[in-house]
Amino acid sequence: MKDLAGPSLALTAPTIDAAWEGRVEAVIDTKCRLKAVFIGRDDLTASKLAASRLRDLAHVEEIREAGERRRIASDILAPTRIMIARVLR
């Protein structure tokens, strides 16, 4: 019997239970408060590394770069958040 999901949909590294535990939930439509569940960054990265396909390895690099950009932006904005919190007290 042929695997209809194919290799691109197979969860390779983390178990499905572990990936579910690390899931991220987000509101994708604020009007009707529609939520969606996504695999967490760490589990997605682990799965792509385990698959070891060139495109997955490229995705891992992009995920890591995006995380680094987000961390830098957060560090830059942190003092502003502290100031706003103090003003609002």
N, C-alpha and C. Protein backbone atom coordinates (compact mmCIF):
# COMPACT_ATOMS: atom_id res chain seq x y z
N MET A 1 0.84 -1.19 0.00
CA MET A 1 0.00 0.00 0.00
C MET A 1 0.88 1.25 0.00
N LYS A 2 0.57 2.18 -0.85
CA LYS A 2 1.36 3.41 -0.97
C LYS A 2 1.03 4.37 0.17
N ASP A 3 2.07 5.01 0.70
CA ASP A 3 1.90 6.04 1.73
C ASP A 3 1.39 7.31 1.06
N LEU A 4 0.14 7.64 1.28
CA LEU A 4 -0.47 8.79 0.62
C LEU A 4 0.05 10.12 1.15
N ALA A 5 0.49 10.13 2.40
CA ALA A 5 0.99 11.38 2.98
C ALA A 5 2.32 11.78 2.34
N GLY A 6 3.11 10.81 1.97
CA GLY A 6 4.41 11.09 1.37
C GLY A 6 5.41 11.55 2.40
N PRO A 7 6.67 11.58 2.03
CA PRO A 7 7.72 11.92 3.00
C PRO A 7 7.67 13.36 3.48
N SER A 8 7.13 14.27 2.68
CA SER A 8 7.14 15.67 3.09
C SER A 8 6.18 15.94 4.24
N LEU A 9 5.20 15.07 4.46
CA LEU A 9 4.25 15.27 5.55
C LEU A 9 4.57 14.42 6.77
N ALA A 10 5.56 13.55 6.65
CA ALA A 10 5.90 12.67 7.76
C ALA A 10 6.64 13.47 8.83
N LEU A 11 6.24 13.28 10.07
CA LEU A 11 6.92 13.92 11.19
C LEU A 11 8.10 13.03 11.54
N THR A 12 9.30 13.48 11.29
CA THR A 12 10.46 12.63 11.34
C THR A 12 11.11 12.55 12.72
N ALA A 13 11.55 13.67 13.27
CA ALA A 13 12.37 13.63 14.48
C ALA A 13 11.57 13.53 15.76
N PRO A 14 10.84 14.57 16.10
CA PRO A 14 10.10 14.46 17.37
C PRO A 14 8.92 13.52 17.18
N THR A 15 8.53 12.88 18.25
CA THR A 15 7.32 12.06 18.16
C THR A 15 6.13 12.99 18.04
N ILE A 16 5.04 12.44 17.58
CA ILE A 16 3.84 13.28 17.45
C ILE A 16 3.41 13.79 18.81
N ASP A 17 3.53 12.96 19.85
CA ASP A 17 3.16 13.40 21.20
C ASP A 17 4.04 14.57 21.66
N ALA A 18 5.34 14.47 21.41
CA ALA A 18 6.25 15.55 21.81
C ALA A 18 5.96 16.82 21.02
N ALA A 19 5.70 16.66 19.73
CA ALA A 19 5.39 17.84 18.91
C ALA A 19 4.09 18.49 19.37
N TRP A 20 3.12 17.68 19.78
CA TRP A 20 1.85 18.23 20.27
C TRP A 20 2.07 19.01 21.55
N GLU A 21 2.93 18.50 22.42
CA GLU A 21 3.23 19.21 23.67
C GLU A 21 3.88 20.56 23.39
N GLY A 22 4.69 20.65 22.33
CA GLY A 22 5.39 21.89 22.01
C GLY A 22 4.67 22.76 21.00
N ARG A 23 3.41 22.46 20.76
CA ARG A 23 2.65 23.20 19.74
C ARG A 23 2.47 24.66 20.12
N VAL A 24 2.19 25.46 19.11
CA VAL A 24 1.95 26.88 19.30
C VAL A 24 0.55 27.17 18.76
N GLU A 25 -0.26 27.82 19.54
CA GLU A 25 -1.61 28.18 19.11
C GLU A 25 -1.65 29.68 18.85
N ALA A 26 -2.29 30.05 17.74
CA ALA A 26 -2.37 31.47 17.39
C ALA A 26 -3.73 31.78 16.81
N VAL A 27 -4.19 33.00 17.06
CA VAL A 27 -5.42 33.48 16.45
C VAL A 27 -5.07 33.91 15.04
N ILE A 28 -5.74 33.31 14.05
CA ILE A 28 -5.44 33.65 12.66
C ILE A 28 -6.52 34.53 12.03
N ASP A 29 -7.64 34.67 12.72
CA ASP A 29 -8.70 35.59 12.26
C ASP A 29 -9.29 36.24 13.50
N THR A 30 -8.97 37.51 13.70
CA THR A 30 -9.41 38.20 14.91
C THR A 30 -10.90 38.49 14.92
N LYS A 31 -11.51 38.60 13.74
CA LYS A 31 -12.95 38.88 13.69
C LYS A 31 -13.75 37.76 14.33
N CYS A 32 -13.46 36.54 13.94
CA CYS A 32 -14.22 35.41 14.48
C CYS A 32 -13.42 34.61 15.51
N ARG A 33 -12.24 35.13 15.89
CA ARG A 33 -11.37 34.50 16.89
C ARG A 33 -10.99 33.07 16.50
N LEU A 34 -10.79 32.85 15.19
CA LEU A 34 -10.38 31.55 14.67
C LEU A 34 -8.94 31.28 15.06
N LYS A 35 -8.72 30.12 15.67
CA LYS A 35 -7.38 29.74 16.11
C LYS A 35 -6.86 28.60 15.26
N ALA A 36 -5.54 28.51 15.17
CA ALA A 36 -4.87 27.41 14.48
C ALA A 36 -3.72 26.94 15.35
N VAL A 37 -3.36 25.69 15.19
CA VAL A 37 -2.26 25.09 15.94
C VAL A 37 -1.12 24.80 14.97
N PHE A 38 0.09 25.17 15.37
CA PHE A 38 1.29 24.97 14.55
C PHE A 38 2.32 24.21 15.35
N ILE A 39 3.17 23.48 14.65
CA ILE A 39 4.29 22.80 15.31
C ILE A 39 5.24 23.87 15.83
N GLY A 40 5.81 23.65 17.00
CA GLY A 40 6.73 24.61 17.60
C GLY A 40 8.05 24.68 16.83
N ARG A 41 8.74 25.80 16.98
CA ARG A 41 9.99 26.03 16.27
C ARG A 41 11.02 24.93 16.53
N ASP A 42 11.20 24.53 17.79
CA ASP A 42 12.21 23.52 18.10
C ASP A 42 11.88 22.18 17.47
N ASP A 43 10.60 21.77 17.54
CA ASP A 43 10.21 20.49 16.95
C ASP A 43 10.28 20.54 15.42
N LEU A 44 9.92 21.67 14.83
CA LEU A 44 10.02 21.82 13.38
C LEU A 44 11.47 21.71 12.94
N THR A 45 12.36 22.39 13.66
CA THR A 45 13.78 22.34 13.34
C THR A 45 14.31 20.92 13.47
N ALA A 46 13.96 20.24 14.57
CA ALA A 46 14.42 18.86 14.77
C ALA A 46 13.92 17.94 13.66
N SER A 47 12.69 18.11 13.26
CA SER A 47 12.12 17.29 12.19
C SER A 47 12.84 17.52 10.86
N LYS A 48 13.11 18.78 10.55
CA LYS A 48 13.79 19.10 9.30
C LYS A 48 15.23 18.62 9.32
N LEU A 49 15.90 18.71 10.45
CA LEU A 49 17.27 18.19 10.55
C LEU A 49 17.30 16.68 10.38
N ALA A 50 16.32 16.00 10.97
CA ALA A 50 16.26 14.54 10.85
C ALA A 50 15.98 14.11 9.41
N ALA A 51 15.18 14.89 8.69
CA ALA A 51 14.88 14.55 7.29
C ALA A 51 16.12 14.72 6.42
N SER A 52 16.95 15.69 6.73
CA SER A 52 18.24 15.93 6.07
C SER A 52 18.17 16.19 4.57
N ARG A 53 17.01 16.56 4.07
CA ARG A 53 16.94 16.94 2.65
C ARG A 53 17.50 18.34 2.50
N LEU A 54 18.05 18.63 1.35
CA LEU A 54 18.67 19.95 1.14
C LEU A 54 17.70 21.08 1.41
N ARG A 55 16.48 20.97 0.93
CA ARG A 55 15.52 22.06 1.17
C ARG A 55 15.19 22.19 2.65
N ASP A 56 15.13 21.06 3.39
CA ASP A 56 14.86 21.12 4.82
C ASP A 56 16.02 21.76 5.56
N LEU A 57 17.24 21.45 5.16
CA LEU A 57 18.41 22.05 5.80
C LEU A 57 18.45 23.55 5.52
N ALA A 58 18.03 23.96 4.32
CA ALA A 58 17.95 25.38 4.01
C ALA A 58 16.88 26.05 4.87
N HIS A 59 15.75 25.36 5.08
CA HIS A 59 14.69 25.90 5.93
C HIS A 59 15.19 26.09 7.36
N VAL A 60 15.98 25.12 7.85
CA VAL A 60 16.53 25.23 9.22
C VAL A 60 17.36 26.50 9.34
N GLU A 61 18.17 26.77 8.34
CA GLU A 61 18.99 27.98 8.37
C GLU A 61 18.10 29.23 8.39
N GLU A 62 17.04 29.23 7.59
CA GLU A 62 16.12 30.37 7.57
C GLU A 62 15.40 30.54 8.90
N ILE A 63 15.00 29.43 9.51
CA ILE A 63 14.32 29.46 10.81
C ILE A 63 15.26 30.05 11.86
N ARG A 64 16.51 29.61 11.84
CA ARG A 64 17.48 30.11 12.81
C ARG A 64 17.76 31.60 12.61
N GLU A 65 17.89 32.02 11.35
CA GLU A 65 18.12 33.44 11.07
C GLU A 65 16.94 34.28 11.52
N ALA A 66 15.73 33.80 11.27
CA ALA A 66 14.53 34.53 11.70
C ALA A 66 14.49 34.64 13.22
N GLY A 67 14.86 33.57 13.91
CA GLY A 67 14.90 33.60 15.37
C GLY A 67 15.92 34.60 15.89
N GLU A 68 17.06 34.66 15.22
CA GLU A 68 18.10 35.62 15.61
C GLU A 68 17.62 37.05 15.38
N ARG A 69 16.97 37.30 14.23
CA ARG A 69 16.44 38.65 13.97
C ARG A 69 15.40 39.02 15.01
N ARG A 70 14.57 38.07 15.39
CA ARG A 70 13.54 38.33 16.40
C ARG A 70 14.17 38.63 17.75
N ARG A 71 15.24 37.89 18.11
CA ARG A 71 15.92 38.12 19.38
C ARG A 71 16.54 39.51 19.40
N ILE A 72 17.18 39.89 18.30
CA ILE A 72 17.81 41.22 18.22
C ILE A 72 16.75 42.31 18.34
N ALA A 73 15.65 42.16 17.62
CA ALA A 73 14.57 43.15 17.70
C ALA A 73 14.01 43.24 19.11
N SER A 74 13.88 42.10 19.77
CA SER A 74 13.38 42.09 21.14
C SER A 74 14.33 42.81 22.08
N ASP A 75 15.65 42.58 21.88
CA ASP A 75 16.65 43.26 22.72
C ASP A 75 16.62 44.77 22.51
N ILE A 76 16.39 45.18 21.28
CA ILE A 76 16.34 46.61 20.98
C ILE A 76 15.10 47.25 21.60
N LEU A 77 13.98 46.52 21.58
CA LEU A 77 12.72 47.06 22.08
C LEU A 77 12.55 46.92 23.60
N ALA A 78 13.34 46.09 24.24
CA ALA A 78 13.18 45.83 25.67
C ALA A 78 13.19 47.10 26.51
N PRO A 79 14.14 48.02 26.32
CA PRO A 79 14.11 49.24 27.13
C PRO A 79 12.83 50.05 26.93
N THR A 80 12.30 50.07 25.72
CA THR A 80 11.06 50.78 25.45
C THR A 80 9.91 50.17 26.22
N ARG A 81 9.85 48.83 26.24
CA ARG A 81 8.79 48.14 26.99
C ARG A 81 8.86 48.46 28.48
N ILE A 82 10.06 48.53 29.01
CA ILE A 82 10.25 48.83 30.43
C ILE A 82 9.76 50.25 30.72
N MET A 83 10.13 51.19 29.83
CA MET A 83 9.70 52.57 30.01
C MET A 83 8.18 52.68 29.98
N ILE A 84 7.57 52.02 29.03
CA ILE A 84 6.11 52.07 28.91
C ILE A 84 5.46 51.47 30.16
N ALA A 85 6.00 50.37 30.65
CA ALA A 85 5.46 49.74 31.86
C ALA A 85 5.54 50.69 33.06
N ARG A 86 6.62 51.42 33.16
CA ARG A 86 6.79 52.37 34.27
C ARG A 86 5.80 53.52 34.16
N VAL A 87 5.57 53.99 32.95
CA VAL A 87 4.65 55.09 32.72
C VAL A 87 3.23 54.66 33.06
N LEU A 88 2.87 53.44 32.74
CA LEU A 88 1.52 52.94 32.96
C LEU A 88 1.20 52.61 34.41
N ARG A 89 2.20 52.56 35.25
CA ARG A 89 1.96 52.24 36.66
C ARG A 89 1.31 53.34 37.41
